[in-house]
Amino acid sequence: MEGFKAGRVRLSQFYKKALYSHWRFTEKADYLRTLGALDESDPQSPQVIVSNYIMARPNCLESSNLYAICCRNECEDLMGHL
């Protein structure tokens, strides 16, 4: 499913994947842009930045209003060592 650039998927492929799997990729381009997960450097072929999409807060499991479980961001550990 990966596009021309590493870590990116064409927006059209992103939406098509939902047709043939249990994943529901229904976010509009504006919303992906707000998340910082839309690469529009080539306007003819926008791409989803997979890492930004996965790490976005809406993909966390909300267990309460005060607590959420999110994917671990390995960059946090690396930045802590700098």
N, C-alpha and C. Protein backbone atom coordinates (compact mmCIF):
# COMPACT_ATOMS: atom_id res chain seq x y z
N MET A 1 0.81 -1.19 0.00
CA MET A 1 0.00 0.00 0.00
C MET A 1 0.86 1.26 0.00
N GLU A 2 2.15 1.14 0.21
CA GLU A 2 3.03 2.30 0.27
C GLU A 2 3.12 2.98 -1.08
N GLY A 3 3.20 4.32 -1.05
CA GLY A 3 3.25 5.12 -2.27
C GLY A 3 4.66 5.31 -2.78
N PHE A 4 4.84 6.39 -3.56
CA PHE A 4 6.14 6.68 -4.16
C PHE A 4 7.18 7.08 -3.11
N LYS A 5 6.75 7.83 -2.12
CA LYS A 5 7.65 8.25 -1.05
C LYS A 5 7.49 7.32 0.14
N ALA A 6 8.58 7.02 0.80
CA ALA A 6 8.54 6.12 1.95
C ALA A 6 7.62 6.70 3.04
N GLY A 7 6.81 5.83 3.62
CA GLY A 7 5.94 6.25 4.72
C GLY A 7 4.71 7.02 4.28
N ARG A 8 4.44 7.03 3.00
CA ARG A 8 3.28 7.74 2.48
C ARG A 8 2.44 6.82 1.60
N VAL A 9 1.14 7.08 1.59
CA VAL A 9 0.20 6.32 0.78
C VAL A 9 -0.66 7.31 0.01
N ARG A 10 -0.86 7.06 -1.26
CA ARG A 10 -1.72 7.95 -2.04
C ARG A 10 -3.09 8.02 -1.37
N LEU A 11 -3.66 9.20 -1.36
CA LEU A 11 -4.96 9.40 -0.73
C LEU A 11 -6.02 8.48 -1.34
N SER A 12 -5.97 8.30 -2.65
CA SER A 12 -6.94 7.43 -3.32
C SER A 12 -6.79 5.98 -2.85
N GLN A 13 -5.56 5.51 -2.66
CA GLN A 13 -5.34 4.15 -2.15
C GLN A 13 -5.77 4.02 -0.70
N PHE A 14 -5.57 5.06 0.07
CA PHE A 14 -5.99 5.10 1.46
C PHE A 14 -7.49 4.85 1.56
N TYR A 15 -8.26 5.55 0.73
CA TYR A 15 -9.72 5.38 0.75
C TYR A 15 -10.13 4.02 0.18
N LYS A 16 -9.46 3.55 -0.86
CA LYS A 16 -9.80 2.25 -1.46
C LYS A 16 -9.59 1.09 -0.50
N LYS A 17 -8.58 1.21 0.36
CA LYS A 17 -8.29 0.14 1.31
C LYS A 17 -9.50 -0.16 2.20
N ALA A 18 -10.28 0.87 2.51
CA ALA A 18 -11.46 0.69 3.35
C ALA A 18 -12.53 -0.15 2.65
N LEU A 19 -12.50 -0.19 1.33
CA LEU A 19 -13.50 -0.97 0.59
C LEU A 19 -13.25 -2.47 0.68
N TYR A 20 -12.01 -2.87 0.92
CA TYR A 20 -11.64 -4.28 0.85
C TYR A 20 -11.07 -4.82 2.15
N SER A 21 -11.29 -4.13 3.25
CA SER A 21 -10.78 -4.61 4.54
C SER A 21 -11.71 -4.14 5.65
N HIS A 22 -11.37 -4.50 6.86
CA HIS A 22 -12.18 -4.08 8.01
C HIS A 22 -11.82 -2.67 8.48
N TRP A 23 -10.79 -2.07 7.92
CA TRP A 23 -10.40 -0.71 8.31
C TRP A 23 -11.37 0.29 7.71
N ARG A 24 -11.68 1.33 8.44
CA ARG A 24 -12.59 2.38 8.00
C ARG A 24 -11.84 3.70 7.89
N PHE A 25 -11.28 3.95 6.74
CA PHE A 25 -10.57 5.20 6.50
C PHE A 25 -11.54 6.18 5.85
N THR A 26 -12.20 6.98 6.66
CA THR A 26 -13.23 7.88 6.15
C THR A 26 -12.92 9.35 6.37
N GLU A 27 -11.75 9.65 6.92
CA GLU A 27 -11.39 11.03 7.21
C GLU A 27 -11.28 11.84 5.92
N LYS A 28 -11.86 13.00 5.93
CA LYS A 28 -11.80 13.90 4.77
C LYS A 28 -10.42 14.54 4.69
N ALA A 29 -10.08 15.00 3.49
CA ALA A 29 -8.76 15.61 3.26
C ALA A 29 -8.52 16.79 4.20
N ASP A 30 -9.54 17.61 4.44
CA ASP A 30 -9.37 18.75 5.35
C ASP A 30 -8.97 18.30 6.74
N TYR A 31 -9.59 17.22 7.21
CA TYR A 31 -9.29 16.70 8.54
C TYR A 31 -7.87 16.14 8.59
N LEU A 32 -7.47 15.39 7.55
CA LEU A 32 -6.11 14.86 7.48
C LEU A 32 -5.09 15.99 7.45
N ARG A 33 -5.44 17.07 6.76
CA ARG A 33 -4.56 18.25 6.71
C ARG A 33 -4.40 18.84 8.11
N THR A 34 -5.50 18.94 8.85
CA THR A 34 -5.47 19.47 10.21
C THR A 34 -4.60 18.61 11.13
N LEU A 35 -4.63 17.30 10.93
CA LEU A 35 -3.81 16.39 11.72
C LEU A 35 -2.33 16.47 11.35
N GLY A 36 -2.03 17.09 10.21
CA GLY A 36 -0.65 17.10 9.72
C GLY A 36 -0.30 15.80 9.02
N ALA A 37 -1.33 15.11 8.54
CA ALA A 37 -1.13 13.79 7.94
C ALA A 37 -1.35 13.79 6.43
N LEU A 38 -1.43 14.97 5.83
CA LEU A 38 -1.66 15.04 4.39
C LEU A 38 -0.50 15.76 3.71
N ASP A 39 0.16 15.06 2.79
CA ASP A 39 1.26 15.63 2.02
C ASP A 39 0.69 16.07 0.67
N GLU A 40 0.65 17.37 0.46
CA GLU A 40 0.13 17.92 -0.79
C GLU A 40 1.23 18.59 -1.62
N SER A 41 2.46 18.11 -1.44
CA SER A 41 3.57 18.68 -2.21
C SER A 41 3.38 18.45 -3.71
N ASP A 42 2.64 17.39 -4.08
CA ASP A 42 2.23 17.17 -5.47
C ASP A 42 0.70 17.25 -5.49
N PRO A 43 0.15 18.40 -5.87
CA PRO A 43 -1.30 18.60 -5.81
C PRO A 43 -2.10 17.58 -6.63
N GLN A 44 -1.47 17.00 -7.64
CA GLN A 44 -2.15 16.01 -8.47
C GLN A 44 -2.26 14.65 -7.79
N SER A 45 -1.43 14.43 -6.76
CA SER A 45 -1.40 13.13 -6.09
C SER A 45 -1.15 13.31 -4.59
N PRO A 46 -2.15 13.80 -3.84
CA PRO A 46 -1.95 13.97 -2.39
C PRO A 46 -1.72 12.61 -1.73
N GLN A 47 -0.93 12.63 -0.67
CA GLN A 47 -0.59 11.38 0.02
C GLN A 47 -0.80 11.52 1.52
N VAL A 48 -1.16 10.41 2.16
CA VAL A 48 -1.31 10.37 3.60
C VAL A 48 0.05 10.02 4.19
N ILE A 49 0.50 10.80 5.18
CA ILE A 49 1.74 10.52 5.90
C ILE A 49 1.37 9.55 7.01
N VAL A 50 1.74 8.30 6.83
CA VAL A 50 1.28 7.21 7.69
C VAL A 50 1.64 7.44 9.15
N SER A 51 2.87 7.81 9.44
CA SER A 51 3.29 7.98 10.83
C SER A 51 2.47 9.07 11.53
N ASN A 52 2.21 10.18 10.83
CA ASN A 52 1.42 11.26 11.43
C ASN A 52 -0.03 10.83 11.64
N TYR A 53 -0.55 10.05 10.72
CA TYR A 53 -1.92 9.55 10.84
C TYR A 53 -2.04 8.61 12.04
N ILE A 54 -1.11 7.68 12.16
CA ILE A 54 -1.17 6.69 13.25
C ILE A 54 -0.99 7.35 14.61
N MET A 55 -0.10 8.32 14.70
CA MET A 55 0.20 8.96 15.98
C MET A 55 -0.80 10.04 16.38
N ALA A 56 -1.76 10.33 15.53
CA ALA A 56 -2.74 11.39 15.83
C ALA A 56 -3.62 11.00 17.02
N ARG A 57 -3.95 11.97 17.81
CA ARG A 57 -4.75 11.77 19.03
C ARG A 57 -6.07 11.02 18.77
N PRO A 58 -6.77 11.24 17.66
CA PRO A 58 -8.02 10.52 17.44
C PRO A 58 -7.85 9.00 17.33
N ASN A 59 -6.63 8.52 17.10
CA ASN A 59 -6.40 7.08 17.02
C ASN A 59 -6.09 6.45 18.38
N CYS A 60 -6.12 7.25 19.42
CA CYS A 60 -5.92 6.74 20.78
C CYS A 60 -7.22 6.13 21.29
N LEU A 61 -7.09 5.23 22.24
CA LEU A 61 -8.26 4.67 22.91
C LEU A 61 -8.58 5.53 24.12
N GLU A 62 -9.76 6.11 24.12
CA GLU A 62 -10.17 6.97 25.23
C GLU A 62 -10.80 6.10 26.31
N SER A 63 -10.11 5.93 27.43
CA SER A 63 -10.68 5.12 28.51
C SER A 63 -11.48 5.99 29.48
N SER A 64 -11.22 7.27 29.51
CA SER A 64 -12.00 8.22 30.31
C SER A 64 -11.71 9.62 29.79
N ASN A 65 -12.32 10.62 30.40
CA ASN A 65 -12.06 12.00 29.99
C ASN A 65 -10.65 12.44 30.37
N LEU A 66 -10.04 11.73 31.31
CA LEU A 66 -8.72 12.11 31.80
C LEU A 66 -7.58 11.21 31.32
N TYR A 67 -7.91 10.10 30.67
CA TYR A 67 -6.89 9.11 30.36
C TYR A 67 -7.12 8.53 28.97
N ALA A 68 -6.05 8.45 28.19
CA ALA A 68 -6.12 7.86 26.85
C ALA A 68 -4.90 6.96 26.65
N ILE A 69 -5.08 5.90 25.89
CA ILE A 69 -3.99 4.99 25.58
C ILE A 69 -3.64 5.19 24.11
N CYS A 70 -2.40 5.59 23.86
CA CYS A 70 -1.95 5.89 22.50
C CYS A 70 -0.74 5.02 22.16
N CYS A 71 -0.44 4.96 20.87
CA CYS A 71 0.76 4.25 20.44
C CYS A 71 1.97 4.94 21.04
N ARG A 72 2.95 4.16 21.40
CA ARG A 72 4.18 4.71 21.95
C ARG A 72 4.95 5.42 20.86
N ASN A 73 5.40 6.60 21.15
CA ASN A 73 6.19 7.39 20.21
C ASN A 73 7.67 7.19 20.54
N GLU A 74 8.36 6.41 19.74
CA GLU A 74 9.77 6.11 19.99
C GLU A 74 10.65 7.34 19.89
N CYS A 75 10.20 8.36 19.20
CA CYS A 75 10.98 9.59 19.09
C CYS A 75 11.12 10.28 20.44
N GLU A 76 10.12 10.12 21.31
CA GLU A 76 10.19 10.73 22.64
C GLU A 76 11.42 10.23 23.40
N ASP A 77 11.69 8.94 23.33
CA ASP A 77 12.85 8.37 23.99
C ASP A 77 14.14 8.93 23.42
N LEU A 78 14.20 9.03 22.10
CA LEU A 78 15.41 9.55 21.43
C LEU A 78 15.62 11.01 21.79
N MET A 79 14.57 11.79 21.80
CA MET A 79 14.70 13.21 22.14
C MET A 79 15.13 13.39 23.59
N GLY A 80 14.73 12.47 24.47
CA GLY A 80 15.12 12.53 25.87
C GLY A 80 16.62 12.36 26.08
N HIS A 81 17.28 11.68 25.14
CA HIS A 81 18.73 11.44 25.24
C HIS A 81 19.56 12.59 24.68
N LEU A 82 18.92 13.50 23.96
CA LEU A 82 19.67 14.61 23.33
C LEU A 82 19.98 15.72 24.29
